[in-house]
Amino acid sequence: MNVPALNYHKTHFLISAPNIKLMPADEGIEVAFVGRSNAGKSTALNALTQQKQLARTSKTPGRTQLINVFGVAEGAKLVDLPGYGYAAVPEQMKREWQKSLGEYLQKRQCLTAVVVLMDIRHPLKDLDQQMIQWAVAAGKSVLLLLTKADKLSQSARQKQLRMVREAILPFQGDITVELFSGTNKIGVAQLAAKLNEWFSPLSEQ
């Protein structure tokens, strides 16, 4: 299938919203990026768009509690959701955010797919699995990026990749797993290709 390629370098910041209700209109196609606070979400977005400052990397994980929305092209949006699972965030805030997240995955009509980022050395923690379950239950496609792949040897990477691919079989959803490193640009082309596939219905309109 010949999928039109978008120019991710043109991605630009649209809005920071404190909650789901204040996000832009529920239209077009949206892909959400989500992961633990130290999984490397900002690094991945910056590597994809070839922009060093598009998504700011915080020295203190868990600090960003806003939903950051970026425009790629007409009708195509990337959504950077706040990191989850960081110990310093108050329990009440964690619970509220998880409720919001579940609501967003289930009710946002324009949300087509979810990119779940996990540190390759510590994949599939409880919250990661919950996120995958929610996304699959909501009928969304999922791309699991095993980040910081440069921290492991080639053989160790492949071993982790095989392990995760086997571990997700029981989820029975439309789930793809790829290695990723923003530092060494591993998996950046695969991420862009997957996003192009998800955004392709826009070119048919």
N, C-alpha and C. Protein backbone atom coordinates (compact mmCIF):
# COMPACT_ATOMS: atom_id res chain seq x y z
N MET A 1 0.85 -1.20 0.00
CA MET A 1 0.00 0.00 0.00
C MET A 1 0.89 1.25 0.00
N ASN A 2 0.61 2.17 -0.89
CA ASN A 2 1.40 3.38 -0.99
C ASN A 2 0.81 4.44 -0.07
N VAL A 3 1.44 4.65 1.08
CA VAL A 3 0.91 5.59 2.08
C VAL A 3 1.64 6.93 1.94
N PRO A 4 0.89 8.04 1.83
CA PRO A 4 1.55 9.35 1.72
C PRO A 4 2.35 9.66 2.99
N ALA A 5 3.55 10.20 2.81
CA ALA A 5 4.40 10.54 3.96
C ALA A 5 4.19 11.98 4.37
N LEU A 6 4.00 12.19 5.67
CA LEU A 6 3.86 13.55 6.19
C LEU A 6 5.24 14.08 6.56
N ASN A 7 5.36 15.40 6.56
CA ASN A 7 6.62 16.03 6.95
C ASN A 7 6.55 16.37 8.45
N TYR A 8 7.10 15.48 9.28
CA TYR A 8 7.00 15.67 10.73
C TYR A 8 7.86 16.82 11.23
N HIS A 9 8.79 17.26 10.40
CA HIS A 9 9.62 18.41 10.79
C HIS A 9 8.76 19.68 10.89
N LYS A 10 7.61 19.66 10.23
CA LYS A 10 6.72 20.84 10.26
C LYS A 10 5.78 20.83 11.47
N THR A 11 5.90 19.81 12.31
CA THR A 11 5.04 19.70 13.49
C THR A 11 5.22 20.94 14.37
N HIS A 12 4.09 21.48 14.84
CA HIS A 12 4.14 22.70 15.66
C HIS A 12 3.19 22.59 16.86
N PHE A 13 3.53 23.31 17.90
CA PHE A 13 2.75 23.29 19.13
C PHE A 13 1.40 23.99 18.91
N LEU A 14 0.32 23.38 19.38
CA LEU A 14 -1.02 23.99 19.26
C LEU A 14 -1.53 24.52 20.59
N ILE A 15 -1.56 23.64 21.61
CA ILE A 15 -2.16 24.04 22.90
C ILE A 15 -1.72 23.11 24.02
N SER A 16 -1.68 23.65 25.24
CA SER A 16 -1.53 22.83 26.45
C SER A 16 -2.86 22.88 27.18
N ALA A 17 -3.44 21.73 27.44
CA ALA A 17 -4.75 21.68 28.12
C ALA A 17 -4.60 20.98 29.47
N PRO A 18 -5.23 21.54 30.53
CA PRO A 18 -5.12 20.91 31.84
C PRO A 18 -5.97 19.64 31.97
N ASN A 19 -6.94 19.50 31.08
CA ASN A 19 -7.77 18.28 31.11
C ASN A 19 -8.38 18.02 29.73
N ILE A 20 -9.04 16.88 29.61
CA ILE A 20 -9.61 16.43 28.33
C ILE A 20 -10.63 17.43 27.77
N LYS A 21 -11.42 18.01 28.67
CA LYS A 21 -12.51 18.90 28.24
C LYS A 21 -12.01 20.14 27.51
N LEU A 22 -10.78 20.56 27.81
CA LEU A 22 -10.26 21.79 27.21
C LEU A 22 -9.36 21.54 25.99
N MET A 23 -9.41 20.30 25.49
CA MET A 23 -8.63 19.98 24.29
C MET A 23 -9.30 20.55 23.04
N PRO A 24 -8.58 20.61 21.91
CA PRO A 24 -9.20 21.10 20.67
C PRO A 24 -10.39 20.23 20.26
N ALA A 25 -11.17 20.73 19.31
CA ALA A 25 -12.37 20.01 18.83
C ALA A 25 -12.03 18.56 18.48
N ASP A 26 -12.99 17.67 18.75
CA ASP A 26 -12.82 16.24 18.53
C ASP A 26 -13.03 15.91 17.05
N GLU A 27 -12.03 16.24 16.23
CA GLU A 27 -12.16 16.02 14.79
C GLU A 27 -10.79 15.75 14.17
N GLY A 28 -10.77 15.26 12.94
CA GLY A 28 -9.53 14.90 12.28
C GLY A 28 -9.04 13.55 12.80
N ILE A 29 -7.72 13.37 12.85
CA ILE A 29 -7.13 12.13 13.36
C ILE A 29 -6.06 12.50 14.39
N GLU A 30 -6.14 11.82 15.52
CA GLU A 30 -5.25 12.11 16.64
C GLU A 30 -4.50 10.84 17.02
N VAL A 31 -3.22 10.96 17.30
CA VAL A 31 -2.43 9.85 17.83
C VAL A 31 -1.81 10.31 19.15
N ALA A 32 -2.03 9.55 20.22
CA ALA A 32 -1.55 9.94 21.54
C ALA A 32 -0.25 9.21 21.89
N PHE A 33 0.66 9.94 22.52
CA PHE A 33 1.91 9.37 23.04
C PHE A 33 1.78 9.31 24.56
N VAL A 34 2.03 8.14 25.12
CA VAL A 34 1.86 7.99 26.56
C VAL A 34 2.93 7.04 27.09
N GLY A 35 3.29 7.20 28.35
CA GLY A 35 4.29 6.31 28.95
C GLY A 35 4.65 6.78 30.34
N ARG A 36 5.44 5.99 31.02
CA ARG A 36 5.90 6.38 32.35
C ARG A 36 6.72 7.67 32.23
N SER A 37 6.82 8.39 33.33
CA SER A 37 7.45 9.71 33.31
C SER A 37 8.88 9.70 32.80
N ASN A 38 9.59 8.57 32.94
CA ASN A 38 10.99 8.54 32.51
C ASN A 38 11.19 7.65 31.27
N ALA A 39 10.12 7.43 30.52
CA ALA A 39 10.21 6.50 29.37
C ALA A 39 10.81 7.13 28.12
N GLY A 40 10.94 8.46 28.11
CA GLY A 40 11.57 9.12 26.96
C GLY A 40 10.60 9.62 25.90
N LYS A 41 9.41 10.06 26.36
CA LYS A 41 8.39 10.56 25.43
C LYS A 41 8.86 11.81 24.68
N SER A 42 9.38 12.77 25.45
CA SER A 42 9.83 14.03 24.84
C SER A 42 10.95 13.76 23.84
N THR A 43 11.88 12.90 24.22
CA THR A 43 13.00 12.55 23.33
C THR A 43 12.49 11.95 22.03
N ALA A 44 11.48 11.08 22.13
CA ALA A 44 10.92 10.43 20.94
C ALA A 44 10.25 11.45 20.02
N LEU A 45 9.47 12.35 20.60
CA LEU A 45 8.79 13.38 19.78
C LEU A 45 9.80 14.30 19.12
N ASN A 46 10.83 14.66 19.86
CA ASN A 46 11.86 15.54 19.29
C ASN A 46 12.64 14.83 18.18
N ALA A 47 12.91 13.53 18.35
CA ALA A 47 13.63 12.77 17.32
C ALA A 47 12.77 12.62 16.06
N LEU A 48 11.48 12.34 16.25
CA LEU A 48 10.56 12.19 15.13
C LEU A 48 10.48 13.47 14.30
N THR A 49 10.40 14.61 15.00
CA THR A 49 10.17 15.89 14.31
C THR A 49 11.47 16.62 13.96
N GLN A 50 12.61 16.05 14.40
CA GLN A 50 13.92 16.70 14.19
C GLN A 50 13.92 18.12 14.75
N GLN A 51 13.28 18.25 15.91
CA GLN A 51 13.25 19.55 16.61
C GLN A 51 13.69 19.32 18.04
N LYS A 52 14.71 20.02 18.46
CA LYS A 52 15.27 19.77 19.80
C LYS A 52 14.35 20.22 20.92
N GLN A 53 13.54 21.24 20.66
CA GLN A 53 12.75 21.83 21.74
C GLN A 53 11.24 21.67 21.59
N LEU A 54 10.78 20.86 20.64
CA LEU A 54 9.32 20.75 20.45
C LEU A 54 8.67 20.27 21.74
N ALA A 55 9.12 19.11 22.22
CA ALA A 55 8.63 18.60 23.51
C ALA A 55 9.78 18.78 24.48
N ARG A 56 9.57 19.60 25.48
CA ARG A 56 10.66 19.89 26.41
C ARG A 56 10.90 18.72 27.35
N THR A 57 12.16 18.33 27.47
CA THR A 57 12.49 17.23 28.39
C THR A 57 12.73 17.83 29.77
N SER A 58 11.96 17.37 30.73
CA SER A 58 12.06 17.90 32.08
C SER A 58 13.12 17.13 32.86
N LYS A 59 13.89 17.87 33.68
CA LYS A 59 14.89 17.22 34.54
C LYS A 59 14.17 16.45 35.66
N THR A 60 12.93 16.86 35.94
CA THR A 60 12.16 16.18 36.99
C THR A 60 10.99 15.44 36.36
N PRO A 61 11.11 14.12 36.17
CA PRO A 61 10.01 13.36 35.57
C PRO A 61 8.72 13.52 36.37
N GLY A 62 7.60 13.54 35.69
CA GLY A 62 6.31 13.63 36.37
C GLY A 62 5.85 15.06 36.59
N ARG A 63 6.68 16.02 36.15
CA ARG A 63 6.35 17.42 36.40
C ARG A 63 5.24 17.92 35.47
N THR A 64 5.30 17.49 34.23
CA THR A 64 4.33 17.98 33.24
C THR A 64 3.00 17.30 33.44
N GLN A 65 2.01 18.05 33.91
CA GLN A 65 0.69 17.47 34.11
C GLN A 65 -0.30 18.03 33.09
N LEU A 66 0.23 18.63 32.03
CA LEU A 66 -0.64 19.18 30.99
C LEU A 66 -0.64 18.25 29.77
N ILE A 67 -1.75 18.30 29.01
CA ILE A 67 -1.84 17.56 27.75
C ILE A 67 -1.34 18.51 26.67
N ASN A 68 -0.24 18.15 26.01
CA ASN A 68 0.30 19.02 24.96
C ASN A 68 -0.11 18.49 23.59
N VAL A 69 -0.72 19.37 22.80
CA VAL A 69 -1.23 18.98 21.49
C VAL A 69 -0.41 19.66 20.40
N PHE A 70 0.01 18.86 19.42
CA PHE A 70 0.83 19.37 18.31
C PHE A 70 0.14 19.10 16.98
N GLY A 71 0.25 20.06 16.06
CA GLY A 71 -0.31 19.89 14.72
C GLY A 71 0.77 19.42 13.77
N VAL A 72 0.46 18.39 12.98
CA VAL A 72 1.42 17.88 11.99
C VAL A 72 1.07 18.41 10.61
N ALA A 73 -0.21 18.30 10.28
CA ALA A 73 -0.74 18.77 9.00
C ALA A 73 -2.22 19.02 9.23
N GLU A 74 -2.92 19.46 8.20
CA GLU A 74 -4.36 19.72 8.33
C GLU A 74 -5.09 18.47 8.85
N GLY A 75 -5.68 18.57 10.04
CA GLY A 75 -6.46 17.46 10.60
C GLY A 75 -5.64 16.40 11.30
N ALA A 76 -4.30 16.49 11.26
CA ALA A 76 -3.44 15.47 11.89
C ALA A 76 -2.79 16.05 13.15
N LYS A 77 -3.04 15.39 14.30
CA LYS A 77 -2.51 15.89 15.57
C LYS A 77 -1.77 14.79 16.33
N LEU A 78 -0.70 15.19 17.01
CA LEU A 78 -0.01 14.32 17.96
C LEU A 78 -0.31 14.87 19.35
N VAL A 79 -0.61 13.98 20.28
CA VAL A 79 -0.96 14.41 21.64
C VAL A 79 0.02 13.80 22.63
N ASP A 80 0.70 14.66 23.38
CA ASP A 80 1.66 14.22 24.38
C ASP A 80 0.94 14.23 25.74
N LEU A 81 0.61 13.04 26.23
CA LEU A 81 -0.13 12.93 27.50
C LEU A 81 0.86 12.93 28.67
N PRO A 82 0.45 13.45 29.83
CA PRO A 82 1.36 13.47 30.98
C PRO A 82 1.87 12.08 31.33
N GLY A 83 3.12 12.02 31.76
CA GLY A 83 3.72 10.75 32.16
C GLY A 83 3.01 10.20 33.39
N TYR A 84 2.95 8.89 33.48
CA TYR A 84 2.29 8.28 34.64
C TYR A 84 3.29 7.48 35.47
N GLY A 85 2.88 7.15 36.69
CA GLY A 85 3.67 6.26 37.52
C GLY A 85 4.84 6.91 38.24
N TYR A 86 4.86 8.23 38.32
CA TYR A 86 6.00 8.85 39.02
C TYR A 86 5.67 9.04 40.49
N ALA A 87 6.54 8.58 41.35
CA ALA A 87 6.28 8.52 42.79
C ALA A 87 6.00 9.88 43.44
N ALA A 88 6.62 10.94 42.94
CA ALA A 88 6.49 12.25 43.60
C ALA A 88 5.13 12.91 43.39
N VAL A 89 4.34 12.39 42.47
CA VAL A 89 3.02 12.99 42.21
C VAL A 89 2.04 12.51 43.29
N PRO A 90 1.28 13.43 43.92
CA PRO A 90 0.34 13.02 44.97
C PRO A 90 -0.65 11.96 44.48
N GLU A 91 -1.00 11.05 45.38
CA GLU A 91 -1.89 9.92 45.06
C GLU A 91 -3.21 10.38 44.45
N GLN A 92 -3.78 11.44 45.02
CA GLN A 92 -5.06 11.97 44.54
C GLN A 92 -4.95 12.40 43.07
N MET A 93 -3.85 13.07 42.75
CA MET A 93 -3.62 13.54 41.37
C MET A 93 -3.47 12.34 40.43
N LYS A 94 -2.75 11.31 40.91
CA LYS A 94 -2.58 10.10 40.10
C LYS A 94 -3.93 9.49 39.77
N ARG A 95 -4.80 9.38 40.78
CA ARG A 95 -6.12 8.75 40.57
C ARG A 95 -6.95 9.56 39.59
N GLU A 96 -6.95 10.88 39.77
CA GLU A 96 -7.73 11.76 38.88
C GLU A 96 -7.21 11.65 37.45
N TRP A 97 -5.87 11.60 37.31
CA TRP A 97 -5.30 11.54 35.98
C TRP A 97 -5.63 10.22 35.29
N GLN A 98 -5.59 9.12 36.07
CA GLN A 98 -5.91 7.81 35.48
C GLN A 98 -7.36 7.78 35.01
N LYS A 99 -8.24 8.40 35.80
CA LYS A 99 -9.66 8.46 35.42
C LYS A 99 -9.81 9.26 34.12
N SER A 100 -9.12 10.40 34.05
CA SER A 100 -9.15 11.25 32.85
C SER A 100 -8.62 10.50 31.63
N LEU A 101 -7.54 9.77 31.86
CA LEU A 101 -6.90 9.04 30.78
C LEU A 101 -7.83 7.98 30.21
N GLY A 102 -8.47 7.23 31.10
CA GLY A 102 -9.43 6.20 30.68
C GLY A 102 -10.56 6.81 29.87
N GLU A 103 -11.03 7.96 30.34
CA GLU A 103 -12.13 8.67 29.68
C GLU A 103 -11.70 9.13 28.28
N TYR A 104 -10.47 9.66 28.20
CA TYR A 104 -9.94 10.14 26.92
C TYR A 104 -9.85 8.99 25.91
N LEU A 105 -9.30 7.86 26.35
CA LEU A 105 -9.15 6.71 25.44
C LEU A 105 -10.49 6.16 24.98
N GLN A 106 -11.48 6.21 25.84
CA GLN A 106 -12.78 5.62 25.50
C GLN A 106 -13.71 6.58 24.74
N LYS A 107 -13.58 7.89 25.02
CA LYS A 107 -14.59 8.81 24.46
C LYS A 107 -14.11 9.70 23.34
N ARG A 108 -12.82 9.82 23.16
CA ARG A 108 -12.30 10.74 22.13
C ARG A 108 -12.44 10.08 20.76
N GLN A 109 -13.37 10.56 19.97
CA GLN A 109 -13.70 9.93 18.68
C GLN A 109 -12.55 10.00 17.67
N CYS A 110 -11.81 11.12 17.67
CA CYS A 110 -10.78 11.29 16.64
C CYS A 110 -9.48 10.57 17.00
N LEU A 111 -9.41 10.01 18.22
CA LEU A 111 -8.21 9.26 18.62
C LEU A 111 -8.19 7.93 17.88
N THR A 112 -7.19 7.75 17.03
CA THR A 112 -7.09 6.55 16.20
C THR A 112 -6.15 5.52 16.80
N ALA A 113 -5.07 6.00 17.41
CA ALA A 113 -4.03 5.09 17.87
C ALA A 113 -3.28 5.67 19.06
N VAL A 114 -2.60 4.76 19.77
CA VAL A 114 -1.83 5.16 20.95
C VAL A 114 -0.41 4.60 20.83
N VAL A 115 0.57 5.46 21.04
CA VAL A 115 1.97 5.03 21.09
C VAL A 115 2.35 4.94 22.56
N VAL A 116 2.63 3.73 23.03
CA VAL A 116 3.02 3.52 24.44
C VAL A 116 4.52 3.35 24.49
N LEU A 117 5.19 4.23 25.22
CA LEU A 117 6.65 4.17 25.30
C LEU A 117 7.07 3.52 26.61
N MET A 118 7.99 2.57 26.51
CA MET A 118 8.47 1.85 27.69
C MET A 118 9.98 1.71 27.60
N ASP A 119 10.66 1.93 28.70
CA ASP A 119 12.12 1.71 28.77
C ASP A 119 12.37 0.23 28.50
N ILE A 120 13.19 -0.05 27.49
CA ILE A 120 13.44 -1.44 27.08
C ILE A 120 13.96 -2.31 28.23
N ARG A 121 14.58 -1.67 29.23
CA ARG A 121 15.14 -2.43 30.36
C ARG A 121 14.07 -2.79 31.39
N HIS A 122 12.93 -2.07 31.35
CA HIS A 122 11.85 -2.33 32.34
C HIS A 122 10.49 -2.25 31.65
N PRO A 123 10.22 -3.13 30.67
CA PRO A 123 8.95 -3.01 29.94
C PRO A 123 7.77 -3.65 30.67
N LEU A 124 6.58 -3.29 30.21
CA LEU A 124 5.32 -3.93 30.65
C LEU A 124 5.10 -3.93 32.16
N LYS A 125 5.33 -2.76 32.78
CA LYS A 125 4.97 -2.60 34.19
C LYS A 125 3.44 -2.57 34.26
N ASP A 126 2.91 -2.62 35.47
CA ASP A 126 1.45 -2.71 35.64
C ASP A 126 0.70 -1.59 34.90
N LEU A 127 1.18 -0.34 35.04
CA LEU A 127 0.47 0.78 34.41
C LEU A 127 0.59 0.71 32.88
N ASP A 128 1.71 0.20 32.38
CA ASP A 128 1.86 0.03 30.93
C ASP A 128 0.81 -0.97 30.43
N GLN A 129 0.68 -2.07 31.16
CA GLN A 129 -0.28 -3.10 30.75
C GLN A 129 -1.71 -2.58 30.81
N GLN A 130 -1.99 -1.79 31.85
CA GLN A 130 -3.33 -1.20 31.97
C GLN A 130 -3.62 -0.27 30.78
N MET A 131 -2.60 0.50 30.40
CA MET A 131 -2.73 1.42 29.27
C MET A 131 -3.04 0.64 27.98
N ILE A 132 -2.31 -0.46 27.77
CA ILE A 132 -2.53 -1.29 26.57
C ILE A 132 -3.94 -1.89 26.60
N GLN A 133 -4.35 -2.38 27.78
CA GLN A 133 -5.69 -2.96 27.90
C GLN A 133 -6.77 -1.93 27.58
N TRP A 134 -6.62 -0.73 28.12
CA TRP A 134 -7.60 0.34 27.86
C TRP A 134 -7.67 0.64 26.37
N ALA A 135 -6.50 0.81 25.74
CA ALA A 135 -6.45 1.15 24.32
C ALA A 135 -7.09 0.06 23.46
N VAL A 136 -6.77 -1.19 23.75
CA VAL A 136 -7.33 -2.32 22.98
C VAL A 136 -8.85 -2.39 23.19
N ALA A 137 -9.29 -2.21 24.46
CA ALA A 137 -10.73 -2.26 24.77
C ALA A 137 -11.48 -1.15 24.05
N ALA A 138 -10.80 -0.01 23.84
CA ALA A 138 -11.43 1.13 23.15
C ALA A 138 -11.31 1.01 21.63
N GLY A 139 -10.71 -0.10 21.16
CA GLY A 139 -10.61 -0.32 19.71
C GLY A 139 -9.53 0.50 19.03
N LYS A 140 -8.53 0.94 19.78
CA LYS A 140 -7.45 1.75 19.19
C LYS A 140 -6.27 0.86 18.80
N SER A 141 -5.58 1.23 17.73
CA SER A 141 -4.33 0.56 17.37
C SER A 141 -3.26 1.00 18.36
N VAL A 142 -2.28 0.13 18.59
CA VAL A 142 -1.23 0.44 19.57
C VAL A 142 0.14 0.16 18.97
N LEU A 143 1.06 1.11 19.18
CA LEU A 143 2.47 0.89 18.85
C LEU A 143 3.25 0.96 20.16
N LEU A 144 3.93 -0.12 20.51
CA LEU A 144 4.78 -0.12 21.70
C LEU A 144 6.20 0.19 21.27
N LEU A 145 6.75 1.27 21.80
CA LEU A 145 8.14 1.62 21.49
C LEU A 145 9.00 1.26 22.69
N LEU A 146 9.97 0.37 22.47
CA LEU A 146 10.92 0.00 23.53
C LEU A 146 12.07 1.00 23.46
N THR A 147 11.97 2.05 24.29
CA THR A 147 12.90 3.17 24.21
C THR A 147 14.24 2.86 24.87
N LYS A 148 15.19 3.77 24.63
CA LYS A 148 16.54 3.66 25.19
C LYS A 148 17.23 2.35 24.75
N ALA A 149 16.91 1.93 23.52
CA ALA A 149 17.48 0.68 22.98
C ALA A 149 19.00 0.76 22.88
N ASP A 150 19.53 1.99 22.80
CA ASP A 150 20.99 2.15 22.72
C ASP A 150 21.69 1.73 24.01
N LYS A 151 20.93 1.58 25.10
CA LYS A 151 21.53 1.20 26.39
C LYS A 151 21.86 -0.30 26.45
N LEU A 152 21.34 -1.07 25.48
CA LEU A 152 21.57 -2.52 25.48
C LEU A 152 22.36 -2.94 24.25
N SER A 153 23.00 -4.10 24.34
CA SER A 153 23.71 -4.65 23.17
C SER A 153 22.67 -5.13 22.15
N GLN A 154 23.11 -5.35 20.94
CA GLN A 154 22.22 -5.81 19.86
C GLN A 154 21.48 -7.09 20.26
N SER A 155 22.20 -8.06 20.84
CA SER A 155 21.55 -9.34 21.19
C SER A 155 20.57 -9.17 22.34
N ALA A 156 20.92 -8.32 23.31
CA ALA A 156 20.01 -8.07 24.44
C ALA A 156 18.74 -7.35 23.97
N ARG A 157 18.90 -6.42 23.02
CA ARG A 157 17.73 -5.72 22.44
C ARG A 157 16.77 -6.72 21.81
N GLN A 158 17.33 -7.59 20.97
CA GLN A 158 16.50 -8.56 20.25
C GLN A 158 15.79 -9.51 21.21
N LYS A 159 16.46 -9.85 22.29
CA LYS A 159 15.88 -10.73 23.30
C LYS A 159 14.68 -10.06 23.96
N GLN A 160 14.84 -8.78 24.32
CA GLN A 160 13.74 -8.02 24.94
C GLN A 160 12.57 -7.85 23.96
N LEU A 161 12.91 -7.58 22.71
CA LEU A 161 11.88 -7.41 21.67
C LEU A 161 11.04 -8.68 21.53
N ARG A 162 11.71 -9.83 21.46
CA ARG A 162 10.99 -11.11 21.36
C ARG A 162 10.12 -11.36 22.59
N MET A 163 10.68 -11.06 23.76
CA MET A 163 9.95 -11.28 25.01
C MET A 163 8.67 -10.45 25.06
N VAL A 164 8.78 -9.16 24.69
CA VAL A 164 7.60 -8.28 24.73
C VAL A 164 6.58 -8.72 23.68
N ARG A 165 7.04 -9.08 22.49
CA ARG A 165 6.10 -9.52 21.44
C ARG A 165 5.32 -10.76 21.88
N GLU A 166 5.98 -11.65 22.61
CA GLU A 166 5.28 -12.84 23.11
C GLU A 166 4.33 -12.47 24.25
N ALA A 167 4.78 -11.57 25.13
CA ALA A 167 4.00 -11.20 26.31
C ALA A 167 2.70 -10.48 25.97
N ILE A 168 2.66 -9.80 24.81
CA ILE A 168 1.45 -9.04 24.48
C ILE A 168 0.41 -9.86 23.72
N LEU A 169 0.75 -11.07 23.33
CA LEU A 169 -0.20 -11.88 22.56
C LEU A 169 -1.56 -12.02 23.25
N PRO A 170 -1.61 -12.23 24.59
CA PRO A 170 -2.90 -12.35 25.25
C PRO A 170 -3.80 -11.11 25.15
N PHE A 171 -3.20 -9.93 24.87
CA PHE A 171 -4.02 -8.71 24.75
C PHE A 171 -4.92 -8.75 23.51
N GLN A 172 -4.50 -9.51 22.50
CA GLN A 172 -5.31 -9.74 21.29
C GLN A 172 -5.77 -8.47 20.58
N GLY A 173 -4.95 -7.44 20.59
CA GLY A 173 -5.33 -6.21 19.89
C GLY A 173 -4.46 -5.99 18.68
N ASP A 174 -4.65 -4.84 18.03
CA ASP A 174 -3.81 -4.44 16.90
C ASP A 174 -2.57 -3.76 17.50
N ILE A 175 -1.58 -4.57 17.88
CA ILE A 175 -0.41 -4.06 18.61
C ILE A 175 0.88 -4.40 17.84
N THR A 176 1.70 -3.38 17.64
CA THR A 176 3.01 -3.55 17.00
C THR A 176 4.07 -3.18 18.02
N VAL A 177 5.20 -3.87 17.99
CA VAL A 177 6.30 -3.55 18.92
C VAL A 177 7.55 -3.22 18.12
N GLU A 178 8.21 -2.12 18.47
CA GLU A 178 9.44 -1.73 17.77
C GLU A 178 10.50 -1.27 18.78
N LEU A 179 11.76 -1.45 18.41
CA LEU A 179 12.87 -0.89 19.19
C LEU A 179 12.96 0.60 18.90
N PHE A 180 13.45 1.38 19.88
CA PHE A 180 13.54 2.82 19.64
C PHE A 180 14.68 3.42 20.46
N SER A 181 15.37 4.37 19.85
CA SER A 181 16.35 5.19 20.56
C SER A 181 16.41 6.55 19.88
N GLY A 182 16.00 7.57 20.60
CA GLY A 182 16.07 8.93 20.06
C GLY A 182 17.52 9.35 19.86
N THR A 183 18.39 8.86 20.73
CA THR A 183 19.81 9.20 20.67
C THR A 183 20.47 8.65 19.42
N ASN A 184 20.22 7.37 19.14
CA ASN A 184 20.86 6.71 17.99
C ASN A 184 19.94 6.62 16.77
N LYS A 185 18.78 7.23 16.86
CA LYS A 185 17.78 7.26 15.77
C LYS A 185 17.28 5.86 15.37
N ILE A 186 17.37 4.91 16.30
CA ILE A 186 16.83 3.56 16.05
C ILE A 186 15.30 3.64 16.10
N GLY A 187 14.63 3.15 15.08
CA GLY A 187 13.17 3.08 15.10
C GLY A 187 12.43 4.35 14.72
N VAL A 188 13.16 5.43 14.43
CA VAL A 188 12.49 6.69 14.08
C VAL A 188 11.74 6.54 12.76
N ALA A 189 12.37 5.89 11.78
CA ALA A 189 11.72 5.68 10.47
C ALA A 189 10.48 4.80 10.61
N GLN A 190 10.57 3.77 11.48
CA GLN A 190 9.42 2.87 11.70
C GLN A 190 8.26 3.62 12.37
N LEU A 191 8.60 4.51 13.31
CA LEU A 191 7.56 5.32 13.97
C LEU A 191 6.87 6.22 12.95
N ALA A 192 7.66 6.90 12.11
CA ALA A 192 7.08 7.78 11.09
C ALA A 192 6.19 7.00 10.12
N ALA A 193 6.65 5.80 9.73
CA ALA A 193 5.87 4.98 8.78
C ALA A 193 4.53 4.57 9.39
N LYS A 194 4.54 4.22 10.68
CA LYS A 194 3.30 3.82 11.35
C LYS A 194 2.35 5.01 11.45
N LEU A 195 2.88 6.17 11.79
CA LEU A 195 2.05 7.38 11.88
C LEU A 195 1.45 7.72 10.51
N ASN A 196 2.26 7.60 9.46
CA ASN A 196 1.76 7.85 8.09
C ASN A 196 0.57 6.95 7.78
N GLU A 197 0.70 5.70 8.19
CA GLU A 197 -0.37 4.72 7.95
C GLU A 197 -1.65 5.16 8.68
N TRP A 198 -1.49 5.57 9.94
CA TRP A 198 -2.67 5.98 10.73
C TRP A 198 -3.30 7.27 10.21
N PHE A 199 -2.44 8.19 9.71
CA PHE A 199 -2.96 9.47 9.21
C PHE A 199 -3.45 9.38 7.75
N SER A 200 -3.18 8.25 7.07
CA SER A 200 -3.47 8.17 5.64
C SER A 200 -4.92 8.45 5.25
N PRO A 201 -5.95 8.11 6.09
CA PRO A 201 -7.33 8.43 5.66
C PRO A 201 -7.55 9.93 5.38
N LEU A 202 -6.72 10.79 5.99
CA LEU A 202 -6.87 12.25 5.75
C LEU A 202 -6.60 12.60 4.30
N SER A 203 -5.68 11.86 3.65
CA SER A 203 -5.32 12.17 2.26
C SER A 203 -6.41 11.73 1.28
N GLU A 204 -7.33 10.89 1.77
CA GLU A 204 -8.41 10.41 0.91
C GLU A 204 -9.65 11.30 0.97
N GLN A 205 -9.62 12.26 1.90
CA GLN A 205 -10.81 13.12 2.05
C GLN A 205 -10.85 14.19 0.99
